[in-house]
Amino acid sequence: MHLFAPVQTDTYPRLDGIVLFELFDTEGSPMYLEIRYSSFVYQQVDGDHLFLEPIDVVKQQAEETYNIAPEAWRALTQNETQLIDKRI
């Protein structure tokens, strides 16, 4: 599961979007790379963070931190997924 949501908050004016990118460790357990974008369209990354918590917890934390409405999340398209730099 790879998700995107727009960021619309005065607290983080330079951000325009967040991606939660699902990765798996060698035992198959999921983790989520949160990538903060200053421009998602141009793939300009502001920063990232790796979460080991379940996706519901990660989404809720992002919603609270970046003022994201729960219904604002959408799945990344296949093309968008291929553009993501997944290196950590």
PDB file of N, CA and C in Angstrom:
ATOM      1  N   MET A   1       0.852  -1.173   0.000  1.00  0.00           N
ATOM      2  CA  MET A   1       0.000   0.000   0.000  1.00  0.00           C
ATOM      3  C   MET A   1       0.898   1.237   0.000  1.00  0.00           C
ATOM      4  N   HIS A   2       0.714   2.103  -0.964  1.00  0.00           N
ATOM      5  CA  HIS A   2       1.462   3.352  -1.075  1.00  0.00           C
ATOM      6  C   HIS A   2       0.435   4.472  -1.191  1.00  0.00           C
ATOM      7  N   LEU A   3       0.516   5.438  -0.277  1.00  0.00           N
ATOM      8  CA  LEU A   3      -0.512   6.477  -0.192  1.00  0.00           C
ATOM      9  C   LEU A   3       0.073   7.877  -0.352  1.00  0.00           C
ATOM     10  N   PHE A   4      -0.748   8.789  -0.856  1.00  0.00           N
ATOM     11  CA  PHE A   4      -0.404  10.200  -0.966  1.00  0.00           C
ATOM     12  C   PHE A   4      -1.531  11.031  -0.362  1.00  0.00           C
ATOM     13  N   ALA A   5      -1.153  12.137   0.274  1.00  0.00           N
ATOM     14  CA  ALA A   5      -2.136  13.120   0.739  1.00  0.00           C
ATOM     15  C   ALA A   5      -1.521  14.508   0.629  1.00  0.00           C
ATOM     16  N   PRO A   6      -2.322  15.483   0.230  1.00  0.00           N
ATOM     17  CA  PRO A   6      -1.827  16.858   0.192  1.00  0.00           C
ATOM     18  C   PRO A   6      -1.709  17.425   1.607  1.00  0.00           C
ATOM     19  N   VAL A   7      -0.732  18.295   1.784  1.00  0.00           N
ATOM     20  CA  VAL A   7      -0.542  18.975   3.064  1.00  0.00           C
ATOM     21  C   VAL A   7      -1.057  20.401   2.906  1.00  0.00           C
ATOM     22  N   GLN A   8      -1.954  20.791   3.802  1.00  0.00           N
ATOM     23  CA  GLN A   8      -2.524  22.138   3.750  1.00  0.00           C
ATOM     24  C   GLN A   8      -2.562  22.702   5.159  1.00  0.00           C
ATOM     25  N   THR A   9      -1.407  23.153   5.614  1.00  0.00           N
ATOM     26  CA  THR A   9      -1.334  23.702   6.958  1.00  0.00           C
ATOM     27  C   THR A   9      -0.349  24.854   6.992  1.00  0.00           C
ATOM     28  N   ASP A  10      -0.664  25.868   7.782  1.00  0.00           N
ATOM     29  CA  ASP A  10       0.233  27.010   7.941  1.00  0.00           C
ATOM     30  C   ASP A  10       1.476  26.640   8.750  1.00  0.00           C
ATOM     31  N   THR A  11       1.390  25.556   9.506  1.00  0.00           N
ATOM     32  CA  THR A  11       2.517  25.126  10.324  1.00  0.00           C
ATOM     33  C   THR A  11       3.685  24.652   9.459  1.00  0.00           C
ATOM     34  N   TYR A  12       3.369  24.041   8.309  1.00  0.00           N
ATOM     35  CA  TYR A  12       4.383  23.540   7.383  1.00  0.00           C
ATOM     36  C   TYR A  12       4.124  24.122   5.993  1.00  0.00           C
ATOM     37  N   PRO A  13       4.326  25.420   5.818  1.00  0.00           N
ATOM     38  CA  PRO A  13       3.959  26.061   4.549  1.00  0.00           C
ATOM     39  C   PRO A  13       4.775  25.605   3.349  1.00  0.00           C
ATOM     40  N   ARG A  14       5.955  25.061   3.572  1.00  0.00           N
ATOM     41  CA  ARG A  14       6.781  24.657   2.432  1.00  0.00           C
ATOM     42  C   ARG A  14       6.443  23.261   1.920  1.00  0.00           C
ATOM     43  N   LEU A  15       5.576  22.528   2.626  1.00  0.00           N
ATOM     44  CA  LEU A  15       5.208  21.180   2.197  1.00  0.00           C
ATOM     45  C   LEU A  15       3.944  21.203   1.355  1.00  0.00           C
ATOM     46  N   ASP A  16       3.913  20.362   0.323  1.00  0.00           N
ATOM     47  CA  ASP A  16       2.666  20.253  -0.457  1.00  0.00           C
ATOM     48  C   ASP A  16       2.110  18.838  -0.468  1.00  0.00           C
ATOM     49  N   GLY A  17       2.865  17.860   0.048  1.00  0.00           N
ATOM     50  CA  GLY A  17       2.335  16.510   0.070  1.00  0.00           C
ATOM     51  C   GLY A  17       3.162  15.549   0.904  1.00  0.00           C
ATOM     52  N   ILE A  18       2.502  14.466   1.284  1.00  0.00           N
ATOM     53  CA  ILE A  18       3.118  13.388   2.065  1.00  0.00           C
ATOM     54  C   ILE A  18       2.849  12.067   1.345  1.00  0.00           C
ATOM     55  N   VAL A  19       3.874  11.236   1.256  1.00  0.00           N
ATOM     56  CA  VAL A  19       3.707   9.868   0.765  1.00  0.00           C
ATOM     57  C   VAL A  19       4.008   8.925   1.914  1.00  0.00           C
ATOM     58  N   LEU A  20       3.165   7.931   2.075  1.00  0.00           N
ATOM     59  CA  LEU A  20       3.450   6.814   2.983  1.00  0.00           C
ATOM     60  C   LEU A  20       3.722   5.614   2.085  1.00  0.00           C
ATOM     61  N   PHE A  21       4.986   5.184   2.066  1.00  0.00           N
ATOM     62  CA  PHE A  21       5.414   4.126   1.155  1.00  0.00           C
ATOM     63  C   PHE A  21       5.680   2.865   1.972  1.00  0.00           C
ATOM     64  N   GLU A  22       4.949   1.798   1.655  1.00  0.00           N
ATOM     65  CA  GLU A  22       5.069   0.546   2.395  1.00  0.00           C
ATOM     66  C   GLU A  22       6.299  -0.230   1.935  1.00  0.00           C
ATOM     67  N   LEU A  23       7.116  -0.618   2.905  1.00  0.00           N
ATOM     68  CA  LEU A  23       8.288  -1.458   2.675  1.00  0.00           C
ATOM     69  C   LEU A  23       8.181  -2.670   3.583  1.00  0.00           C
ATOM     70  N   PHE A  24       8.980  -3.683   3.317  1.00  0.00           N
ATOM     71  CA  PHE A  24       8.965  -4.892   4.145  1.00  0.00           C
ATOM     72  C   PHE A  24      10.383  -5.247   4.557  1.00  0.00           C
ATOM     73  N   ASP A  25      10.524  -5.694   5.818  1.00  0.00           N
ATOM     74  CA  ASP A  25      11.835  -6.153   6.261  1.00  0.00           C
ATOM     75  C   ASP A  25      12.055  -7.590   5.790  1.00  0.00           C
ATOM     76  N   THR A  26      13.187  -8.163   6.136  1.00  0.00           N
ATOM     77  CA  THR A  26      13.538  -9.503   5.651  1.00  0.00           C
ATOM     78  C   THR A  26      12.607 -10.590   6.181  1.00  0.00           C
ATOM     79  N   GLU A  27      11.872 -10.292   7.242  1.00  0.00           N
ATOM     80  CA  GLU A  27      10.922 -11.257   7.802  1.00  0.00           C
ATOM     81  C   GLU A  27       9.503 -11.026   7.286  1.00  0.00           C
ATOM     82  N   GLY A  28       9.333 -10.038   6.400  1.00  0.00           N
ATOM     83  CA  GLY A  28       8.023  -9.767   5.823  1.00  0.00           C
ATOM     84  C   GLY A  28       7.157  -8.817   6.620  1.00  0.00           C
ATOM     85  N   SER A  29       7.705  -8.210   7.664  1.00  0.00           N
ATOM     86  CA  SER A  29       6.937  -7.249   8.468  1.00  0.00           C
ATOM     87  C   SER A  29       6.932  -5.892   7.773  1.00  0.00           C
ATOM     88  N   PRO A  30       5.751  -5.237   7.723  1.00  0.00           N
ATOM     89  CA  PRO A  30       5.681  -3.947   7.044  1.00  0.00           C
ATOM     90  C   PRO A  30       6.269  -2.814   7.874  1.00  0.00           C
ATOM     91  N   MET A  31       6.781  -1.827   7.166  1.00  0.00           N
ATOM     92  CA  MET A  31       7.204  -0.554   7.750  1.00  0.00           C
ATOM     93  C   MET A  31       6.826   0.501   6.731  1.00  0.00           C
ATOM     94  N   TYR A  32       6.779   1.737   7.159  1.00  0.00           N
ATOM     95  CA  TYR A  32       6.284   2.799   6.283  1.00  0.00           C
ATOM     96  C   TYR A  32       7.274   3.954   6.234  1.00  0.00           C
ATOM     97  N   LEU A  33       7.706   4.271   5.028  1.00  0.00           N
ATOM     98  CA  LEU A  33       8.577   5.407   4.807  1.00  0.00           C
ATOM     99  C   LEU A  33       7.705   6.616   4.512  1.00  0.00           C
ATOM    100  N   GLU A  34       7.716   7.579   5.423  1.00  0.00           N
ATOM    101  CA  GLU A  34       6.994   8.836   5.215  1.00  0.00           C
ATOM    102  C   GLU A  34       7.942   9.779   4.485  1.00  0.00           C
ATOM    103  N   ILE A  35       7.531  10.217   3.300  1.00  0.00           N
ATOM    104  CA  ILE A  35       8.340  11.144   2.519  1.00  0.00           C
ATOM    105  C   ILE A  35       7.574  12.457   2.420  1.00  0.00           C
ATOM    106  N   ARG A  36       8.216  13.531   2.869  1.00  0.00           N
ATOM    107  CA  ARG A  36       7.600  14.854   2.837  1.00  0.00           C
ATOM    108  C   ARG A  36       8.111  15.592   1.596  1.00  0.00           C
ATOM    109  N   TYR A  37       7.178  16.127   0.828  1.00  0.00           N
ATOM    110  CA  TYR A  37       7.530  16.792  -0.425  1.00  0.00           C
ATOM    111  C   TYR A  37       7.250  18.285  -0.371  1.00  0.00           C
ATOM    112  N   SER A  38       8.228  19.072  -0.837  1.00  0.00           N
ATOM    113  CA  SER A  38       7.970  20.490  -1.070  1.00  0.00           C
ATOM    114  C   SER A  38       7.302  20.650  -2.435  1.00  0.00           C
ATOM    115  N   SER A  39       7.538  19.690  -3.336  1.00  0.00           N
ATOM    116  CA  SER A  39       6.827  19.629  -4.616  1.00  0.00           C
ATOM    117  C   SER A  39       6.732  18.172  -5.047  1.00  0.00           C
ATOM    118  N   PHE A  40       5.555  17.597  -4.864  1.00  0.00           N
ATOM    119  CA  PHE A  40       5.364  16.204  -5.259  1.00  0.00           C
ATOM    120  C   PHE A  40       5.461  16.045  -6.771  1.00  0.00           C
ATOM    121  N   VAL A  41       4.905  16.992  -7.515  1.00  0.00           N
ATOM    122  CA  VAL A  41       4.920  16.931  -8.979  1.00  0.00           C
ATOM    123  C   VAL A  41       6.350  16.864  -9.508  1.00  0.00           C
ATOM    124  N   TYR A  42       7.251  17.640  -8.909  1.00  0.00           N
ATOM    125  CA  TYR A  42       8.643  17.688  -9.363  1.00  0.00           C
ATOM    126  C   TYR A  42       9.569  16.803  -8.528  1.00  0.00           C
ATOM    127  N   GLN A  43       8.979  15.987  -7.632  1.00  0.00           N
ATOM    128  CA  GLN A  43       9.727  15.050  -6.795  1.00  0.00           C
ATOM    129  C   GLN A  43      10.809  15.735  -5.970  1.00  0.00           C
ATOM    130  N   GLN A  44      10.484  16.904  -5.404  1.00  0.00           N
ATOM    131  CA  GLN A  44      11.408  17.628  -4.542  1.00  0.00           C
ATOM    132  C   GLN A  44      11.114  17.244  -3.091  1.00  0.00           C
ATOM    133  N   VAL A  45      12.008  16.464  -2.532  1.00  0.00           N
ATOM    134  CA  VAL A  45      11.826  15.912  -1.191  1.00  0.00           C
ATOM    135  C   VAL A  45      12.324  16.895  -0.144  1.00  0.00           C
ATOM    136  N   ASP A  46      11.517  17.081   0.895  1.00  0.00           N
ATOM    137  CA  ASP A  46      11.882  17.926   2.021  1.00  0.00           C
ATOM    138  C   ASP A  46      12.511  17.092   3.137  1.00  0.00           C
ATOM    139  N   GLY A  47      12.103  15.841   3.268  1.00  0.00           N
ATOM    140  CA  GLY A  47      12.633  14.976   4.314  1.00  0.00           C
ATOM    141  C   GLY A  47      11.859  13.678   4.370  1.00  0.00           C
ATOM    142  N   ASP A  48      12.292  12.790   5.248  1.00  0.00           N
ATOM    143  CA  ASP A  48      11.590  11.516   5.392  1.00  0.00           C
ATOM    144  C   ASP A  48      11.733  10.988   6.807  1.00  0.00           C
ATOM    145  N   HIS A  49      10.980   9.959   7.088  1.00  0.00           N
ATOM    146  CA  HIS A  49      11.002   9.304   8.398  1.00  0.00           C
ATOM    147  C   HIS A  49      10.503   7.881   8.214  1.00  0.00           C
ATOM    148  N   LEU A  50      11.120   6.940   8.894  1.00  0.00           N
ATOM    149  CA  LEU A  50      10.713   5.536   8.823  1.00  0.00           C
ATOM    150  C   LEU A  50       9.899   5.188  10.063  1.00  0.00           C
ATOM    151  N   PHE A  51       8.700   4.636   9.849  1.00  0.00           N
ATOM    152  CA  PHE A  51       7.812   4.225  10.938  1.00  0.00           C
ATOM    153  C   PHE A  51       7.679   2.712  10.971  1.00  0.00           C
ATOM    154  N   LEU A  52       7.718   2.151  12.151  1.00  0.00           N
ATOM    155  CA  LEU A  52       7.532   0.716  12.332  1.00  0.00           C
ATOM    156  C   LEU A  52       6.144   0.392  12.862  1.00  0.00           C
ATOM    157  N   GLU A  53       5.353   1.422  13.161  1.00  0.00           N
ATOM    158  CA  GLU A  53       3.999   1.238  13.680  1.00  0.00           C
ATOM    159  C   GLU A  53       3.055   0.798  12.559  1.00  0.00           C
ATOM    160  N   PRO A  54       1.866   0.278  12.927  1.00  0.00           N
ATOM    161  CA  PRO A  54       0.857  -0.088  11.916  1.00  0.00           C
ATOM    162  C   PRO A  54       0.398   1.133  11.114  1.00  0.00           C
ATOM    163  N   ILE A  55      -0.068   0.894   9.901  1.00  0.00           N
ATOM    164  CA  ILE A  55      -0.454   1.965   8.985  1.00  0.00           C
ATOM    165  C   ILE A  55      -1.505   2.903   9.590  1.00  0.00           C
ATOM    166  N   ASP A  56      -2.441   2.372  10.337  1.00  0.00           N
ATOM    167  CA  ASP A  56      -3.471   3.228  10.945  1.00  0.00           C
ATOM    168  C   ASP A  56      -2.852   4.263  11.890  1.00  0.00           C
ATOM    169  N   VAL A  57      -1.856   3.842  12.644  1.00  0.00           N
ATOM    170  CA  VAL A  57      -1.174   4.741  13.573  1.00  0.00           C
ATOM    171  C   VAL A  57      -0.370   5.783  12.793  1.00  0.00           C
ATOM    172  N   VAL A  58       0.316   5.344  11.750  1.00  0.00           N
ATOM    173  CA  VAL A  58       1.132   6.247  10.936  1.00  0.00           C
ATOM    174  C   VAL A  58       0.247   7.293  10.248  1.00  0.00           C
ATOM    175  N   LYS A  59      -0.869   6.855   9.668  1.00  0.00           N
ATOM    176  CA  LYS A  59      -1.791   7.789   9.012  1.00  0.00           C
ATOM    177  C   LYS A  59      -2.350   8.798  10.004  1.00  0.00           C
ATOM    178  N   GLN A  60      -2.784   8.323  11.169  1.00  0.00           N
ATOM    179  CA  GLN A  60      -3.360   9.220  12.172  1.00  0.00           C
ATOM    180  C   GLN A  60      -2.342  10.268  12.617  1.00  0.00           C
ATOM    181  N   GLN A  61      -1.103   9.846  12.805  1.00  0.00           N
ATOM    182  CA  GLN A  61      -0.073  10.792  13.217  1.00  0.00           C
ATOM    183  C   GLN A  61       0.162  11.843  12.119  1.00  0.00           C
ATOM    184  N   ALA A  62       0.208  11.409  10.867  1.00  0.00           N
ATOM    185  CA  ALA A  62       0.380  12.348   9.751  1.00  0.00           C
ATOM    186  C   ALA A  62      -0.814  13.300   9.656  1.00  0.00           C
ATOM    187  N   GLU A  63      -2.014  12.770   9.840  1.00  0.00           N
ATOM    188  CA  GLU A  63      -3.219  13.608   9.781  1.00  0.00           C
ATOM    189  C   GLU A  63      -3.176  14.698  10.842  1.00  0.00           C
ATOM    190  N   GLU A  64      -2.742  14.346  12.040  1.00  0.00           N
ATOM    191  CA  GLU A  64      -2.682  15.310  13.134  1.00  0.00           C
ATOM    192  C   GLU A  64      -1.543  16.311  12.930  1.00  0.00           C
ATOM    193  N   THR A  65      -0.403  15.838  12.485  1.00  0.00           N
ATOM    194  CA  THR A  65       0.771  16.693  12.321  1.00  0.00           C
ATOM    195  C   THR A  65       0.622  17.665  11.164  1.00  0.00           C
ATOM    196  N   TYR A  66       0.089  17.176  10.037  1.00  0.00           N
ATOM    197  CA  TYR A  66       0.063  17.971   8.803  1.00  0.00           C
ATOM    198  C   TYR A  66      -1.343  18.427   8.399  1.00  0.00           C
ATOM    199  N   ASN A  67      -2.298  18.290   9.304  1.00  0.00           N
ATOM    200  CA  ASN A  67      -3.673  18.735   9.060  1.00  0.00           C
ATOM    201  C   ASN A  67      -4.270  18.081   7.799  1.00  0.00           C
ATOM    202  N   ILE A  68      -4.145  16.770   7.720  1.00  0.00           N
ATOM    203  CA  ILE A  68      -4.661  16.010   6.582  1.00  0.00           C
ATOM    204  C   ILE A  68      -6.006  15.398   6.970  1.00  0.00           C
ATOM    205  N   ALA A  69      -7.011  15.613   6.141  1.00  0.00           N
ATOM    206  CA  ALA A  69      -8.316  14.992   6.378  1.00  0.00           C
ATOM    207  C   ALA A  69      -8.218  13.507   6.038  1.00  0.00           C
ATOM    208  N   PRO A  70      -8.837  12.623   6.830  1.00  0.00           N
ATOM    209  CA  PRO A  70      -8.761  11.186   6.554  1.00  0.00           C
ATOM    210  C   PRO A  70      -9.167  10.815   5.125  1.00  0.00           C
ATOM    211  N   GLU A  71     -10.135  11.534   4.564  1.00  0.00           N
ATOM    212  CA  GLU A  71     -10.596  11.204   3.207  1.00  0.00           C
ATOM    213  C   GLU A  71      -9.665  11.753   2.118  1.00  0.00           C
ATOM    214  N   ALA A  72      -8.624  12.506   2.504  1.00  0.00           N
ATOM    215  CA  ALA A  72      -7.704  13.089   1.517  1.00  0.00           C
ATOM    216  C   ALA A  72      -6.688  12.077   0.976  1.00  0.00           C
ATOM    217  N   TRP A  73      -6.516  10.956   1.686  1.00  0.00           N
ATOM    218  CA  TRP A  73      -5.548   9.956   1.230  1.00  0.00           C
ATOM    219  C   TRP A  73      -6.021   9.302  -0.061  1.00  0.00           C
ATOM    220  N   ARG A  74      -5.066   9.036  -0.947  1.00  0.00           N
ATOM    221  CA  ARG A  74      -5.365   8.273  -2.157  1.00  0.00           C
ATOM    222  C   ARG A  74      -4.179   7.360  -2.450  1.00  0.00           C
ATOM    223  N   ALA A  75      -4.449   6.295  -3.168  1.00  0.00           N
ATOM    224  CA  ALA A  75      -3.378   5.380  -3.561  1.00  0.00           C
ATOM    225  C   ALA A  75      -2.532   6.031  -4.645  1.00  0.00           C
ATOM    226  N   LEU A  76      -1.229   5.783  -4.592  1.00  0.00           N
ATOM    227  CA  LEU A  76      -0.359   6.242  -5.667  1.00  0.00           C
ATOM    228  C   LEU A  76      -0.657   5.444  -6.927  1.00  0.00           C
ATOM    229  N   THR A  77      -0.551   6.099  -8.059  1.00  0.00           N
ATOM    230  CA  THR A  77      -0.686   5.371  -9.325  1.00  0.00           C
ATOM    231  C   THR A  77       0.584   4.557  -9.538  1.00  0.00           C
ATOM    232  N   GLN A  78       0.544   3.637 -10.467  1.00  0.00           N
ATOM    233  CA  GLN A  78       1.719   2.825 -10.768  1.00  0.00           C
ATOM    234  C   GLN A  78       2.877   3.716 -11.236  1.00  0.00           C
ATOM    235  N   ASN A  79       2.585   4.705 -12.062  1.00  0.00           N
ATOM    236  CA  ASN A  79       3.632   5.620 -12.528  1.00  0.00           C
ATOM    237  C   ASN A  79       4.227   6.420 -11.369  1.00  0.00           C
ATOM    238  N   GLU A  80       3.384   6.909 -10.474  1.00  0.00           N
ATOM    239  CA  GLU A  80       3.878   7.654  -9.311  1.00  0.00           C
ATOM    240  C   GLU A  80       4.745   6.756  -8.432  1.00  0.00           C
ATOM    241  N   THR A  81       4.319   5.530  -8.242  1.00  0.00           N
ATOM    242  CA  THR A  81       5.064   4.581  -7.411  1.00  0.00           C
ATOM    243  C   THR A  81       6.466   4.361  -7.961  1.00  0.00           C
ATOM    244  N   GLN A  82       6.586   4.274  -9.264  1.00  0.00           N
ATOM    245  CA  GLN A  82       7.895   4.033  -9.878  1.00  0.00           C
ATOM    246  C   GLN A  82       8.829   5.233  -9.742  1.00  0.00           C
ATOM    247  N   LEU A  83       8.284   6.431  -9.559  1.00  0.00           N
ATOM    248  CA  LEU A  83       9.111   7.638  -9.419  1.00  0.00           C
ATOM    249  C   LEU A  83       9.684   7.816  -8.012  1.00  0.00           C
ATOM    250  N   ILE A  84       9.106   7.152  -7.039  1.00  0.00           N
ATOM    251  CA  ILE A  84       9.496   7.350  -5.643  1.00  0.00           C
ATOM    252  C   ILE A  84      10.892   6.797  -5.396  1.00  0.00           C
ATOM    253  N   ASP A  85      11.728   7.626  -4.762  1.00  0.00           N
ATOM    254  CA  ASP A  85      13.058   7.186  -4.342  1.00  0.00           C
ATOM    255  C   ASP A  85      12.879   6.474  -2.996  1.00  0.00           C
ATOM    256  N   LYS A  86      13.046   5.165  -2.991  1.00  0.00           N
ATOM    257  CA  LYS A  86      12.741   4.345  -1.823  1.00  0.00           C
ATOM    258  C   LYS A  86      13.980   4.020  -0.975  1.00  0.00           C
ATOM    259  N   ARG A  87      15.089   4.624  -1.290  1.00  0.00           N
ATOM    260  CA  ARG A  87      16.310   4.312  -0.546  1.00  0.00           C
ATOM    261  C   ARG A  87      16.252   4.913   0.849  1.00  0.00           C
ATOM    262  N   ILE A  88      16.638   4.097   1.827  1.00  0.00           N
ATOM    263  CA  ILE A  88      16.713   4.599   3.200  1.00  0.00           C
ATOM    264  C   ILE A  88      18.068   4.244   3.770  1.00  0.00           C
TER     265      ILE A  88
END
